[in-house]
Amino acid sequence: MTQVYCDIIPQAGGWCFLSEEGQSPIYPSHRLAVEAARSYSESQVDKRKIPVLRQQDLKGRMLEVAGIVHAWGQENSSKMGGRA
């Protein structure tokens, strides 16, 4: 199976993601960009393609984002004191 990358990157006004189709709009927070990238990836699912969300670390390496959207879900908001 082929992996299709969707990279979350910082921009001057916030965050965006890059996909095969180009750059997304700029989102004001990292969380919103990840949620949009995940939603986009799920809508592009093909039996022969596996979507992979990545973000750049401080050394410039692209690392896979694993379950980050779920960390801010409603079920965890009480554990974080409502802060996300």
C-alpha atoms as a PDB file:
ATOM      1  CA  MET A   1       0.000   0.000   0.000  1.00  0.00           C
ATOM      2  CA  THR A   2       1.064   3.547  -0.704  1.00  0.00           C
ATOM      3  CA  GLN A   3       1.415   6.097   2.067  1.00  0.00           C
ATOM      4  CA  VAL A   4       0.051   9.565   1.337  1.00  0.00           C
ATOM      5  CA  TYR A   5       1.528  12.305   3.511  1.00  0.00           C
ATOM      6  CA  CYS A   6      -0.287  15.300   4.914  1.00  0.00           C
ATOM      7  CA  ASP A   7       2.225  17.612   6.618  1.00  0.00           C
ATOM      8  CA  ILE A   8       1.236  20.162   9.274  1.00  0.00           C
ATOM      9  CA  ILE A   9       3.531  23.176   9.108  1.00  0.00           C
ATOM     10  CA  PRO A  10       3.737  26.580  10.818  1.00  0.00           C
ATOM     11  CA  GLN A  11       2.934  29.735   8.868  1.00  0.00           C
ATOM     12  CA  ALA A  12       3.240  33.417   9.756  1.00  0.00           C
ATOM     13  CA  GLY A  13      -0.439  33.646  10.730  1.00  0.00           C
ATOM     14  CA  GLY A  14      -0.942  30.170  12.201  1.00  0.00           C
ATOM     15  CA  TRP A  15      -0.759  26.607  10.863  1.00  0.00           C
ATOM     16  CA  CYS A  16      -1.646  24.849   7.617  1.00  0.00           C
ATOM     17  CA  PHE A  17      -1.253  21.422   6.100  1.00  0.00           C
ATOM     18  CA  LEU A  18       0.272  20.361   2.814  1.00  0.00           C
ATOM     19  CA  SER A  19      -1.233  17.521   0.831  1.00  0.00           C
ATOM     20  CA  GLU A  20      -1.049  16.147  -2.689  1.00  0.00           C
ATOM     21  CA  GLU A  21      -3.468  18.882  -3.730  1.00  0.00           C
ATOM     22  CA  GLY A  22      -1.425  21.748  -2.286  1.00  0.00           C
ATOM     23  CA  GLN A  23      -1.619  23.976   0.773  1.00  0.00           C
ATOM     24  CA  SER A  24      -4.688  24.307   2.975  1.00  0.00           C
ATOM     25  CA  PRO A  25      -6.014  27.585   4.333  1.00  0.00           C
ATOM     26  CA  ILE A  26      -4.161  28.889   7.398  1.00  0.00           C
ATOM     27  CA  TYR A  27      -5.687  27.913  10.741  1.00  0.00           C
ATOM     28  CA  PRO A  28      -5.148  30.010  13.889  1.00  0.00           C
ATOM     29  CA  SER A  29      -4.077  27.022  16.010  1.00  0.00           C
ATOM     30  CA  HIS A  30      -2.139  23.796  15.639  1.00  0.00           C
ATOM     31  CA  ARG A  31      -5.121  21.852  16.922  1.00  0.00           C
ATOM     32  CA  LEU A  32      -7.438  23.185  14.205  1.00  0.00           C
ATOM     33  CA  ALA A  33      -4.871  22.437  11.503  1.00  0.00           C
ATOM     34  CA  VAL A  34      -4.460  18.851  12.744  1.00  0.00           C
ATOM     35  CA  GLU A  35      -8.226  18.350  12.890  1.00  0.00           C
ATOM     36  CA  ALA A  36      -8.613  19.734   9.353  1.00  0.00           C
ATOM     37  CA  ALA A  37      -5.757  17.562   8.071  1.00  0.00           C
ATOM     38  CA  ARG A  38      -7.247  14.468   9.695  1.00  0.00           C
ATOM     39  CA  SER A  39     -10.673  15.247   8.240  1.00  0.00           C
ATOM     40  CA  TYR A  40      -9.145  15.836   4.812  1.00  0.00           C
ATOM     41  CA  SER A  41      -7.158  12.590   5.026  1.00  0.00           C
ATOM     42  CA  GLU A  42     -10.213  10.579   6.016  1.00  0.00           C
ATOM     43  CA  SER A  43     -12.159  11.996   3.067  1.00  0.00           C
ATOM     44  CA  GLN A  44      -9.371  10.965   0.682  1.00  0.00           C
ATOM     45  CA  VAL A  45      -9.104   7.356   1.879  1.00  0.00           C
ATOM     46  CA  ASP A  46      -8.528   4.861  -0.886  1.00  0.00           C
ATOM     47  CA  LYS A  47      -8.063   1.123  -0.436  1.00  0.00           C
ATOM     48  CA  ARG A  48      -4.566   1.389  -1.867  1.00  0.00           C
ATOM     49  CA  LYS A  49      -3.509   4.504   0.071  1.00  0.00           C
ATOM     50  CA  ILE A  50      -2.782   5.015   3.756  1.00  0.00           C
ATOM     51  CA  PRO A  51      -2.993   8.636   4.972  1.00  0.00           C
ATOM     52  CA  VAL A  52      -0.131   9.693   7.265  1.00  0.00           C
ATOM     53  CA  LEU A  53      -0.222  12.975   9.206  1.00  0.00           C
ATOM     54  CA  ARG A  54       3.197  14.437   9.974  1.00  0.00           C
ATOM     55  CA  GLN A  55       4.616  17.529  11.621  1.00  0.00           C
ATOM     56  CA  GLN A  56       8.094  18.981  11.681  1.00  0.00           C
ATOM     57  CA  ASP A  57      10.168  18.779  14.857  1.00  0.00           C
ATOM     58  CA  LEU A  58      12.720  21.361  15.982  1.00  0.00           C
ATOM     59  CA  LYS A  59      15.495  19.614  14.040  1.00  0.00           C
ATOM     60  CA  GLY A  60      13.526  19.692  10.784  1.00  0.00           C
ATOM     61  CA  ARG A  61      12.538  16.022  10.766  1.00  0.00           C
ATOM     62  CA  MET A  62       9.005  15.061   9.801  1.00  0.00           C
ATOM     63  CA  LEU A  63       7.396  12.962  12.538  1.00  0.00           C
ATOM     64  CA  GLU A  64       4.099  11.122  12.383  1.00  0.00           C
ATOM     65  CA  VAL A  65       1.245  12.637  14.400  1.00  0.00           C
ATOM     66  CA  ALA A  66      -0.342   9.841  16.412  1.00  0.00           C
ATOM     67  CA  GLY A  67      -3.730  10.416  17.995  1.00  0.00           C
ATOM     68  CA  ILE A  68      -3.152  14.085  18.749  1.00  0.00           C
ATOM     69  CA  VAL A  69      -6.720  15.076  17.880  1.00  0.00           C
ATOM     70  CA  HIS A  70      -8.118  12.618  20.405  1.00  0.00           C
ATOM     71  CA  ALA A  71      -6.020  14.205  23.156  1.00  0.00           C
ATOM     72  CA  TRP A  72      -8.222  17.305  22.918  1.00  0.00           C
ATOM     73  CA  GLY A  73     -11.536  15.499  22.733  1.00  0.00           C
ATOM     74  CA  GLN A  74     -14.418  16.137  25.114  1.00  0.00           C
ATOM     75  CA  GLU A  75     -13.628  13.029  27.135  1.00  0.00           C
ATOM     76  CA  ASN A  76     -10.223  14.444  28.138  1.00  0.00           C
ATOM     77  CA  SER A  77     -11.191  18.066  28.761  1.00  0.00           C
ATOM     78  CA  SER A  78     -11.822  17.440  32.465  1.00  0.00           C
ATOM     79  CA  LYS A  79      -8.385  15.833  32.869  1.00  0.00           C
ATOM     80  CA  MET A  80      -6.750  18.933  31.440  1.00  0.00           C
ATOM     81  CA  GLY A  81      -8.831  21.374  33.427  1.00  0.00           C
ATOM     82  CA  GLY A  82     -10.593  22.496  30.249  1.00  0.00           C
ATOM     83  CA  ARG A  83      -7.320  23.684  28.724  1.00  0.00           C
ATOM     84  CA  ALA A  84      -6.371  22.473  25.286  1.00  0.00           C
END
